[in-house]
Amino acid sequence: MAKPAITVEQVSKEYRLGQGVGFEGQVTQRVDAMIRAPFRRLLGRGPEQVAGEKFWALRDVSFEVAEGEVFGLIGANGAGKSTLLKLLARITMPTEGRITLRGQVGSLLEVGTGFHPELTGRENIFLNGSILGMSRREIASRYDEIVEFSGVEQFIETPVKRYSSGMFVRLAFSVAAHLEPAILLLDEVLSVGDAEFQRKCLAKMDTIAHNEGRTIVFVSHGLPSVKTLCDRVAVIEGGHLVAAGPTDAMVADYMQRVEPVPHGEVADISPNERLGTGEARVTQVSLVDDADQAVEEILFGQPFTVVAEVEVRESVAAAVFEVGVSSEVFGRVMTADHTDGGGEDVFLRAGDRMTVRARIDSTLLPAEFVVDVGILDSNGVTIDYVERVISFSVKNVAADGSRDTYRWEHVAGHVRPDSRWEIGERAGLVRGEQEVLP
């Protein structure tokens, strides 16, 4: 029996809180904690954490990944997924346990990992190949294919510090995929790319694993991508591996563990549940009907409105508001932004508070859905993005009462689009007679 490509045996990783602040900073933190201690006891609070306290990012994790397998890691933010990938990439070493890797490892963990910002795209291709132990001739033989796949030919002689994050990821993934490491480690970084490039990446990863026999460990919050690509999945929670097995079963297990999304009512948003540069913040989101009443379910074909309260912290010259609707398991099914109907970018003035309303004529089939809300600038940079902020269901009852909708329960997909059809006779066909083609 062939040995697995990756063996992780009872691996734990310990960090010490406050490391990196320097000796003087740690002393200051400890003095502050001592001063606050009597008041915390008076208020009935526990001891305050100070620099140097232990934190176990991973604890007693064990699994194996077979050669040629695509192995997924899923879990909430802070569960320990990225820490595990860094251990596999040998960026850091485990505190306890052992990791055995059989073959050269290539990784794409963060935008910029393994790239020198002052070097051009071309120079970084050769640098990464050298790190992987390849000769200049071997790298040159794949150079054209790497550049073509990345789509950054026009900028290949430009220092990568001038690349956008999307261009950076395109080139970095192309290098990692085409220089043929036996084991490829991929973090959520692929989400920076556009939809077309993500599809190319998924197709390439499928080829790498299932046609070329190489091994991939893939971390993603995108459950549709995980279900499409991965042969097996492990669920990480609080630094522990809580389940591992076939992809569909593990995704279902994970969804049961995820904290439920507020259903229909106004959702207050925690500062930690967002991404973006922060010039503006979505502070509340609700779902209402045409009577402006909060709803948690809508009828088949019934329009609904997403209402977002926005707080502007710093002025933004041109902003775009976006609403996405997703299936919990199958991903994004609908996206709209306020410019779809010809609207113009919006100037956001520091200190302003505003209400944004997005009325959506529903074409959703009966199912459960969640809403994402985002603010972007005119260059597509995310100012604020809150995912799975509120949920709702579409009932299997028509809004106008004109037809039964029971059959939609068994139809594939989640959207019933408006469509125009033309049905006519083929040329040369006369009804009731044998067809004669001209």
Protein backbone atom coordinates (compact mmCIF):
# COMPACT_ATOMS: atom_id res chain seq x y z
CA MET A 1 0.00 0.00 0.00
CA ALA A 2 1.34 3.43 -1.00
CA LYS A 3 2.35 5.77 1.81
CA PRO A 4 0.24 8.92 2.24
CA ALA A 5 1.60 12.20 0.86
CA ILE A 6 0.94 13.95 4.19
CA THR A 7 0.86 12.50 7.70
CA VAL A 8 -0.06 14.73 10.66
CA GLU A 9 0.39 13.02 14.03
CA GLN A 10 -0.93 14.60 17.25
CA VAL A 11 0.17 18.07 16.21
CA SER A 12 -0.28 21.04 18.55
CA LYS A 13 0.83 24.65 18.15
CA GLU A 14 1.25 27.01 21.10
CA TYR A 15 1.62 30.77 20.94
CA ARG A 16 2.21 33.22 23.75
CA LEU A 17 -0.14 36.18 23.83
CA GLY A 18 1.61 39.51 23.52
CA GLN A 19 4.75 38.19 21.88
CA GLY A 20 6.18 40.66 19.42
CA VAL A 21 5.52 43.81 21.42
CA GLY A 22 9.08 43.92 22.74
CA PHE A 23 10.43 43.67 26.28
CA GLU A 24 9.38 47.16 27.33
CA GLY A 25 5.88 46.65 25.94
CA GLN A 26 5.47 43.36 27.81
CA VAL A 27 6.62 45.01 31.08
CA THR A 28 4.12 47.84 30.55
CA GLN A 29 1.30 45.36 29.91
CA ARG A 30 2.10 43.45 33.09
CA VAL A 31 2.26 46.64 35.22
CA ASP A 32 -1.08 47.79 33.77
CA ALA A 33 -2.62 44.40 34.54
CA MET A 34 -1.38 44.57 38.14
CA ILE A 35 -2.90 48.05 38.60
CA ARG A 36 -6.24 46.92 37.14
CA ALA A 37 -6.39 43.63 39.08
CA PRO A 38 -8.07 44.95 42.31
CA PHE A 39 -10.75 46.76 40.31
CA ARG A 40 -11.43 43.68 38.17
CA ARG A 41 -11.90 41.59 41.34
CA LEU A 42 -14.24 44.26 42.74
CA LEU A 43 -16.33 44.07 39.58
CA GLY A 44 -16.34 40.29 39.67
CA ARG A 45 -14.25 39.87 36.53
CA GLY A 46 -11.64 37.24 35.93
CA PRO A 47 -7.90 37.87 35.69
CA GLU A 48 -6.77 39.95 32.74
CA GLN A 49 -4.67 38.26 30.06
CA VAL A 50 -1.17 39.64 29.77
CA ALA A 51 1.74 39.15 27.44
CA GLY A 52 3.27 35.72 27.65
CA GLU A 53 0.12 33.72 28.47
CA LYS A 54 -0.27 30.52 26.50
CA PHE A 55 -2.70 30.11 23.64
CA TRP A 56 -3.10 26.82 21.81
CA ALA A 57 -3.95 27.57 18.17
CA LEU A 58 -4.03 23.82 17.43
CA ARG A 59 -4.39 20.90 19.80
CA ASP A 60 -3.73 17.21 19.12
CA VAL A 61 -4.59 17.21 15.39
CA SER A 62 -4.06 14.00 13.41
CA PHE A 63 -4.97 13.03 9.83
CA GLU A 64 -3.51 11.66 6.61
CA VAL A 65 -3.82 12.85 3.00
CA ALA A 66 -3.37 10.35 0.21
CA GLU A 67 -1.25 11.01 -2.86
CA GLY A 68 -3.36 12.64 -5.58
CA GLU A 69 -6.12 13.62 -3.15
CA VAL A 70 -7.74 17.05 -2.76
CA PHE A 71 -8.18 17.51 0.98
CA GLY A 72 -10.29 20.40 2.26
CA LEU A 73 -10.08 22.23 5.59
CA ILE A 74 -13.19 24.12 6.67
CA GLY A 75 -14.14 25.97 9.85
CA ALA A 76 -14.94 29.38 11.25
CA ASN A 77 -12.47 32.28 11.31
CA GLY A 78 -9.86 31.63 13.99
CA ALA A 79 -10.47 27.87 14.05
CA GLY A 80 -6.82 27.11 13.24
CA LYS A 81 -6.96 26.32 9.51
CA SER A 82 -4.33 28.84 8.40
CA THR A 83 -2.07 27.89 11.32
CA LEU A 84 -2.23 24.27 10.16
CA LEU A 85 -1.31 25.26 6.60
CA LYS A 86 1.68 27.26 7.88
CA LEU A 87 2.86 24.19 9.74
CA LEU A 88 2.49 22.08 6.59
CA ALA A 89 4.43 24.72 4.64
CA ARG A 90 7.10 24.73 7.38
CA ILE A 91 6.77 28.47 7.83
CA THR A 92 6.53 27.66 11.53
CA MET A 93 7.12 24.43 13.47
CA PRO A 94 4.70 22.48 15.70
CA THR A 95 5.05 22.73 19.45
CA GLU A 96 4.12 19.08 19.77
CA GLY A 97 3.64 16.21 17.36
CA ARG A 98 5.09 15.39 13.96
CA ILE A 99 4.32 16.20 10.32
CA THR A 100 5.65 14.01 7.51
CA LEU A 101 5.58 15.34 3.93
CA ARG A 102 6.52 13.10 1.02
CA GLY A 103 7.48 15.38 -1.85
CA GLN A 104 8.27 19.02 -2.64
CA VAL A 105 5.76 21.50 -1.22
CA GLY A 106 4.44 24.60 -2.97
CA SER A 107 2.15 27.03 -1.16
CA LEU A 108 -0.03 30.05 -1.73
CA LEU A 109 -1.10 31.16 1.73
CA GLU A 110 -1.23 34.95 1.61
CA VAL A 111 -0.98 37.61 -1.08
CA GLY A 112 2.75 38.21 -1.42
CA THR A 113 4.02 34.98 0.13
CA GLY A 114 7.27 34.00 -1.59
CA PHE A 115 7.37 37.07 -3.86
CA HIS A 116 9.86 39.93 -3.59
CA PRO A 117 8.00 43.23 -4.13
CA GLU A 118 10.94 44.96 -5.85
CA LEU A 119 11.37 42.21 -8.45
CA THR A 120 9.36 41.99 -11.66
CA GLY A 121 6.81 39.30 -12.37
CA ARG A 122 9.31 37.50 -14.59
CA GLU A 123 12.04 37.62 -11.95
CA ASN A 124 9.67 36.32 -9.28
CA ILE A 125 8.73 33.34 -11.47
CA PHE A 126 12.38 32.31 -11.59
CA LEU A 127 12.85 33.08 -7.88
CA ASN A 128 9.93 30.83 -6.89
CA GLY A 129 11.14 28.06 -9.17
CA SER A 130 14.56 28.20 -7.56
CA ILE A 131 12.99 27.99 -4.08
CA LEU A 132 11.21 24.83 -5.25
CA GLY A 133 14.56 23.37 -6.30
CA MET A 134 14.07 23.67 -10.07
CA SER A 135 16.82 24.52 -12.53
CA ARG A 136 16.65 27.65 -14.67
CA ARG A 137 16.11 25.48 -17.74
CA GLU A 138 13.14 23.72 -16.12
CA ILE A 139 11.56 27.03 -15.14
CA ALA A 140 12.13 28.48 -18.63
CA SER A 141 10.38 25.49 -20.21
CA ARG A 142 7.19 26.37 -18.30
CA TYR A 143 7.56 30.15 -18.36
CA ASP A 144 5.24 30.86 -21.32
CA GLU A 145 2.51 28.62 -19.92
CA ILE A 146 2.73 30.34 -16.52
CA VAL A 147 2.43 33.83 -17.99
CA GLU A 148 -0.40 32.88 -20.34
CA PHE A 149 -2.45 31.30 -17.54
CA SER A 150 -1.92 34.29 -15.24
CA GLY A 151 -3.19 36.82 -17.78
CA VAL A 152 -0.67 39.48 -16.70
CA GLU A 153 1.54 39.41 -19.83
CA GLN A 154 1.32 43.18 -20.21
CA PHE A 155 2.82 43.73 -16.74
CA ILE A 156 5.30 40.86 -16.52
CA GLU A 157 8.31 43.22 -16.57
CA THR A 158 6.77 45.47 -13.89
CA PRO A 159 7.79 45.18 -10.20
CA VAL A 160 5.05 43.21 -8.45
CA LYS A 161 4.71 45.90 -5.75
CA ARG A 162 2.73 47.80 -8.40
CA TYR A 163 0.33 44.91 -9.02
CA SER A 164 -3.23 44.95 -7.76
CA SER A 165 -4.10 42.17 -5.30
CA GLY A 166 -5.96 40.37 -8.07
CA MET A 167 -2.98 40.48 -10.45
CA PHE A 168 -0.71 39.33 -7.64
CA VAL A 169 -2.87 36.29 -6.94
CA ARG A 170 -3.17 35.44 -10.64
CA LEU A 171 0.58 35.25 -11.04
CA ALA A 172 1.23 33.59 -7.67
CA PHE A 173 -1.31 30.83 -8.31
CA SER A 174 -0.03 30.29 -11.83
CA VAL A 175 3.55 29.87 -10.55
CA ALA A 176 2.47 27.50 -7.75
CA ALA A 177 0.35 25.38 -10.09
CA HIS A 178 2.73 25.12 -13.05
CA LEU A 179 6.06 24.54 -11.30
CA GLU A 180 4.72 21.11 -10.32
CA PRO A 181 5.30 20.66 -6.58
CA ALA A 182 4.16 17.23 -5.35
CA ILE A 183 2.04 18.92 -2.64
CA LEU A 184 0.20 22.22 -3.15
CA LEU A 185 -1.18 24.20 -0.19
CA LEU A 186 -3.84 26.82 -0.93
CA ASP A 187 -5.48 29.21 1.51
CA GLU A 188 -8.53 31.47 1.07
CA VAL A 189 -6.31 33.85 -0.93
CA LEU A 190 -7.96 32.68 -4.18
CA SER A 191 -11.09 34.60 -3.19
CA VAL A 192 -9.25 37.80 -4.16
CA GLY A 193 -9.42 36.84 -7.84
CA ASP A 194 -12.39 37.51 -10.11
CA ALA A 195 -15.02 34.85 -10.85
CA GLU A 196 -13.56 33.87 -14.22
CA PHE A 197 -10.09 33.33 -12.76
CA GLN A 198 -11.50 31.37 -9.82
CA ARG A 199 -13.14 28.99 -12.29
CA LYS A 200 -9.79 28.59 -14.09
CA CYS A 201 -8.09 27.86 -10.76
CA LEU A 202 -10.64 25.23 -9.78
CA ALA A 203 -10.31 23.52 -13.16
CA LYS A 204 -6.51 23.61 -12.89
CA MET A 205 -6.57 22.17 -9.36
CA ASP A 206 -8.83 19.35 -10.51
CA THR A 207 -6.36 18.56 -13.30
CA ILE A 208 -3.37 18.75 -10.94
CA ALA A 209 -4.88 16.27 -8.50
CA HIS A 210 -6.91 13.86 -10.58
CA ASN A 211 -4.89 13.81 -13.84
CA GLU A 212 -1.36 14.49 -12.64
CA GLY A 213 -1.56 12.70 -9.29
CA ARG A 214 -0.39 15.60 -7.14
CA THR A 215 -1.81 16.38 -3.70
CA ILE A 216 -3.71 19.53 -2.72
CA VAL A 217 -4.72 20.85 0.70
CA PHE A 218 -7.36 23.51 0.20
CA VAL A 219 -8.70 25.97 2.81
CA SER A 220 -11.82 27.91 1.86
CA HIS A 221 -15.01 29.42 3.26
CA GLY A 222 -16.54 28.91 -0.19
CA LEU A 223 -18.47 25.70 0.41
CA PRO A 224 -19.53 25.37 -3.26
CA SER A 225 -15.85 25.27 -4.27
CA VAL A 226 -15.10 22.77 -1.50
CA LYS A 227 -17.96 20.52 -2.61
CA THR A 228 -16.89 20.73 -6.25
CA LEU A 229 -13.18 20.12 -5.74
CA CYS A 230 -12.46 18.13 -2.58
CA ASP A 231 -12.39 14.35 -2.20
CA ARG A 232 -12.38 14.54 1.60
CA VAL A 233 -12.78 17.32 4.15
CA ALA A 234 -11.77 17.95 7.76
CA VAL A 235 -13.74 20.28 10.03
CA ILE A 236 -11.58 22.39 12.39
CA GLU A 237 -13.16 24.01 15.45
CA GLY A 238 -11.32 25.85 18.22
CA GLY A 239 -7.99 24.33 17.21
CA HIS A 240 -9.32 20.77 17.27
CA LEU A 241 -10.11 18.46 14.37
CA VAL A 242 -13.70 17.54 15.17
CA ALA A 243 -14.58 15.48 12.08
CA ALA A 244 -13.04 14.21 8.85
CA GLY A 245 -14.54 12.22 6.01
CA PRO A 246 -16.41 12.42 2.68
CA THR A 247 -17.01 15.98 1.48
CA ASP A 248 -20.82 16.06 1.43
CA ALA A 249 -21.11 14.58 4.92
CA MET A 250 -18.50 16.97 6.36
CA VAL A 251 -20.07 20.07 4.79
CA ALA A 252 -23.43 19.03 6.25
CA ASP A 253 -21.75 18.47 9.64
CA TYR A 254 -20.13 21.91 9.48
CA MET A 255 -23.40 23.64 8.60
CA GLN A 256 -24.98 22.15 11.72
CA ARG A 257 -22.13 23.60 13.80
CA VAL A 258 -22.33 27.11 12.29
CA GLU A 259 -24.10 29.66 14.44
CA PRO A 260 -27.53 30.28 12.86
CA VAL A 261 -28.01 33.50 10.93
CA PRO A 262 -30.62 35.93 12.35
CA HIS A 263 -33.89 35.23 10.53
CA GLY A 264 -35.67 38.25 9.07
CA GLU A 265 -35.42 40.59 12.06
CA VAL A 266 -33.04 43.58 12.23
CA ALA A 267 -29.48 42.28 12.64
CA ASP A 268 -26.92 44.23 14.68
CA ILE A 269 -23.46 43.56 13.29
CA SER A 270 -20.39 42.86 15.37
CA PRO A 271 -17.22 44.76 14.36
CA ASN A 272 -15.45 41.40 14.04
CA GLU A 273 -17.87 40.01 11.45
CA ARG A 274 -16.70 42.11 8.52
CA LEU A 275 -14.00 42.71 5.94
CA GLY A 276 -12.84 45.92 4.27
CA THR A 277 -10.83 49.11 4.63
CA GLY A 278 -13.35 50.62 7.07
CA GLU A 279 -14.12 54.13 5.78
CA ALA A 280 -17.82 53.24 6.09
CA ARG A 281 -19.62 50.56 8.09
CA VAL A 282 -22.93 48.74 7.71
CA THR A 283 -24.35 48.83 11.25
CA GLN A 284 -27.78 47.17 10.83
CA VAL A 285 -29.59 45.13 8.20
CA SER A 286 -33.24 44.13 7.94
CA LEU A 287 -35.58 42.55 5.41
CA VAL A 288 -38.99 44.17 4.75
CA ASP A 289 -41.96 43.72 2.44
CA ASP A 290 -43.72 46.38 0.35
CA ALA A 291 -45.68 47.48 3.45
CA ASP A 292 -42.31 48.15 5.14
CA GLN A 293 -42.93 45.35 7.63
CA ALA A 294 -40.04 43.13 8.74
CA VAL A 295 -40.37 39.65 7.24
CA GLU A 296 -38.52 36.38 7.62
CA GLU A 297 -40.22 34.57 4.75
CA ILE A 298 -41.56 35.66 1.39
CA LEU A 299 -43.92 34.04 -1.08
CA PHE A 300 -42.76 32.65 -4.40
CA GLY A 301 -42.43 35.68 -6.73
CA GLN A 302 -42.94 38.26 -3.98
CA PRO A 303 -40.56 41.28 -4.04
CA PHE A 304 -38.62 42.17 -0.92
CA THR A 305 -36.35 45.00 0.25
CA VAL A 306 -32.99 44.80 2.01
CA VAL A 307 -32.54 47.81 4.32
CA ALA A 308 -29.03 48.69 5.49
CA GLU A 309 -28.05 51.40 7.98
CA VAL A 310 -24.64 52.86 7.11
CA GLU A 311 -22.23 54.94 9.21
CA VAL A 312 -19.53 56.92 7.35
CA ARG A 313 -16.24 57.32 9.22
CA GLU A 314 -14.07 58.80 6.47
CA SER A 315 -15.12 60.45 3.22
CA VAL A 316 -15.21 58.30 0.09
CA ALA A 317 -15.29 60.03 -3.30
CA ALA A 318 -17.25 57.30 -5.11
CA ALA A 319 -18.91 54.29 -3.49
CA VAL A 320 -21.10 51.45 -4.71
CA PHE A 321 -23.57 49.52 -2.54
CA GLU A 322 -24.00 45.80 -3.17
CA VAL A 323 -26.42 43.10 -1.98
CA GLY A 324 -25.88 39.38 -2.50
CA VAL A 325 -28.23 36.48 -1.90
CA SER A 326 -26.75 33.04 -1.30
CA SER A 327 -27.85 29.52 -0.62
CA GLU A 328 -26.27 28.28 2.62
CA VAL A 329 -24.59 25.35 0.86
CA PHE A 330 -24.53 26.11 -2.86
CA GLY A 331 -23.20 29.67 -2.71
CA ARG A 332 -24.11 32.97 -4.32
CA VAL A 333 -27.22 32.85 -6.51
CA MET A 334 -27.92 36.56 -7.02
CA THR A 335 -25.93 39.82 -6.86
CA ALA A 336 -27.15 43.38 -7.35
CA ASP A 337 -25.59 46.81 -6.88
CA HIS A 338 -27.14 50.23 -6.96
CA THR A 339 -25.64 51.09 -10.36
CA ASP A 340 -27.52 48.25 -12.12
CA GLY A 341 -30.41 50.53 -13.03
CA GLY A 342 -28.15 53.37 -14.21
CA GLY A 343 -27.43 54.80 -10.77
CA GLU A 344 -24.18 56.71 -10.25
CA ASP A 345 -21.44 56.21 -7.66
CA VAL A 346 -22.25 57.88 -4.32
CA PHE A 347 -20.12 60.40 -2.42
CA LEU A 348 -19.86 59.43 1.25
CA ARG A 349 -19.15 62.30 3.65
CA ALA A 350 -17.41 61.66 6.96
CA GLY A 351 -19.84 61.72 9.89
CA ASP A 352 -22.94 61.01 7.80
CA ARG A 353 -25.45 58.27 8.60
CA MET A 354 -27.66 56.95 5.83
CA THR A 355 -30.22 54.31 5.02
CA VAL A 356 -29.75 52.23 1.88
CA ARG A 357 -32.73 50.32 0.48
CA ALA A 358 -32.45 47.68 -2.24
CA ARG A 359 -35.82 46.44 -3.57
CA ILE A 360 -35.47 43.10 -5.33
CA ASP A 361 -38.10 41.59 -7.59
CA SER A 362 -37.72 38.01 -6.45
CA THR A 363 -37.12 35.20 -8.93
CA LEU A 364 -36.00 32.85 -6.18
CA LEU A 365 -37.36 29.33 -5.99
CA PRO A 366 -38.51 27.94 -2.62
CA ALA A 367 -35.49 27.39 -0.36
CA GLU A 368 -33.50 28.95 2.53
CA PHE A 369 -31.25 31.93 1.73
CA VAL A 370 -28.81 34.32 3.43
CA VAL A 371 -27.98 37.95 2.60
CA ASP A 372 -24.54 39.58 2.22
CA VAL A 373 -24.15 43.38 2.14
CA GLY A 374 -21.13 45.27 0.87
CA ILE A 375 -19.75 48.74 0.11
CA LEU A 376 -17.02 49.14 -2.53
CA ASP A 377 -15.16 52.09 -3.97
CA SER A 378 -15.11 52.91 -7.68
CA ASN A 379 -11.98 50.76 -8.15
CA GLY A 380 -13.65 47.67 -6.69
CA VAL A 381 -11.79 47.84 -3.36
CA THR A 382 -13.95 46.56 -0.48
CA ILE A 383 -14.79 49.28 2.05
CA ASP A 384 -17.08 47.06 4.12
CA TYR A 385 -18.47 43.57 3.63
CA VAL A 386 -20.70 41.61 5.98
CA GLU A 387 -21.43 38.02 5.03
CA ARG A 388 -24.45 35.93 6.06
CA VAL A 389 -25.81 38.88 7.99
CA ILE A 390 -29.49 37.90 7.80
CA SER A 391 -31.50 34.96 6.50
CA PHE A 392 -34.94 34.33 5.01
CA SER A 393 -36.95 31.62 3.31
CA VAL A 394 -39.01 31.55 0.13
CA LYS A 395 -42.28 29.67 0.65
CA ASN A 396 -43.73 27.24 -1.85
CA VAL A 397 -46.79 29.46 -2.34
CA ALA A 398 -47.26 31.84 -5.28
CA ALA A 399 -47.56 35.53 -4.38
CA ASP A 400 -50.33 36.15 -6.93
CA GLY A 401 -52.17 32.89 -6.24
CA SER A 402 -52.37 32.22 -9.99
CA ARG A 403 -50.77 28.78 -10.03
CA ASP A 404 -49.67 25.92 -7.87
CA THR A 405 -45.94 25.95 -7.24
CA TYR A 406 -45.44 22.50 -5.74
CA ARG A 407 -43.40 21.45 -8.77
CA TRP A 408 -40.66 24.00 -8.04
CA GLU A 409 -39.57 21.96 -5.02
CA HIS A 410 -38.10 19.40 -7.40
CA VAL A 411 -36.47 21.78 -9.90
CA ALA A 412 -32.67 22.12 -9.90
CA GLY A 413 -31.21 25.53 -9.12
CA HIS A 414 -32.44 28.45 -7.03
CA VAL A 415 -33.45 31.14 -9.53
CA ARG A 416 -36.32 31.23 -12.00
CA PRO A 417 -35.27 34.02 -14.40
CA ASP A 418 -37.53 36.15 -16.54
CA SER A 419 -37.25 34.68 -20.02
CA ARG A 420 -38.60 35.21 -23.53
CA TRP A 421 -39.34 32.25 -25.75
CA GLU A 422 -40.03 31.80 -29.45
CA ILE A 423 -41.63 28.52 -30.52
CA GLY A 424 -42.42 28.06 -34.20
CA GLU A 425 -42.48 25.58 -37.01
CA ARG A 426 -39.30 24.50 -38.71
CA ALA A 427 -38.97 25.51 -42.32
CA GLY A 428 -40.57 22.90 -44.63
CA LEU A 429 -42.72 21.33 -41.90
CA VAL A 430 -46.46 21.21 -42.60
CA ARG A 431 -48.75 20.13 -39.77
CA GLY A 432 -50.29 16.75 -40.27
CA GLU A 433 -47.88 15.89 -43.05
CA GLN A 434 -44.49 14.26 -43.18
CA GLU A 435 -41.59 16.70 -42.71
CA VAL A 436 -39.94 17.80 -45.90
CA LEU A 437 -36.76 19.84 -45.52
CA PRO A 438 -35.99 22.46 -48.19
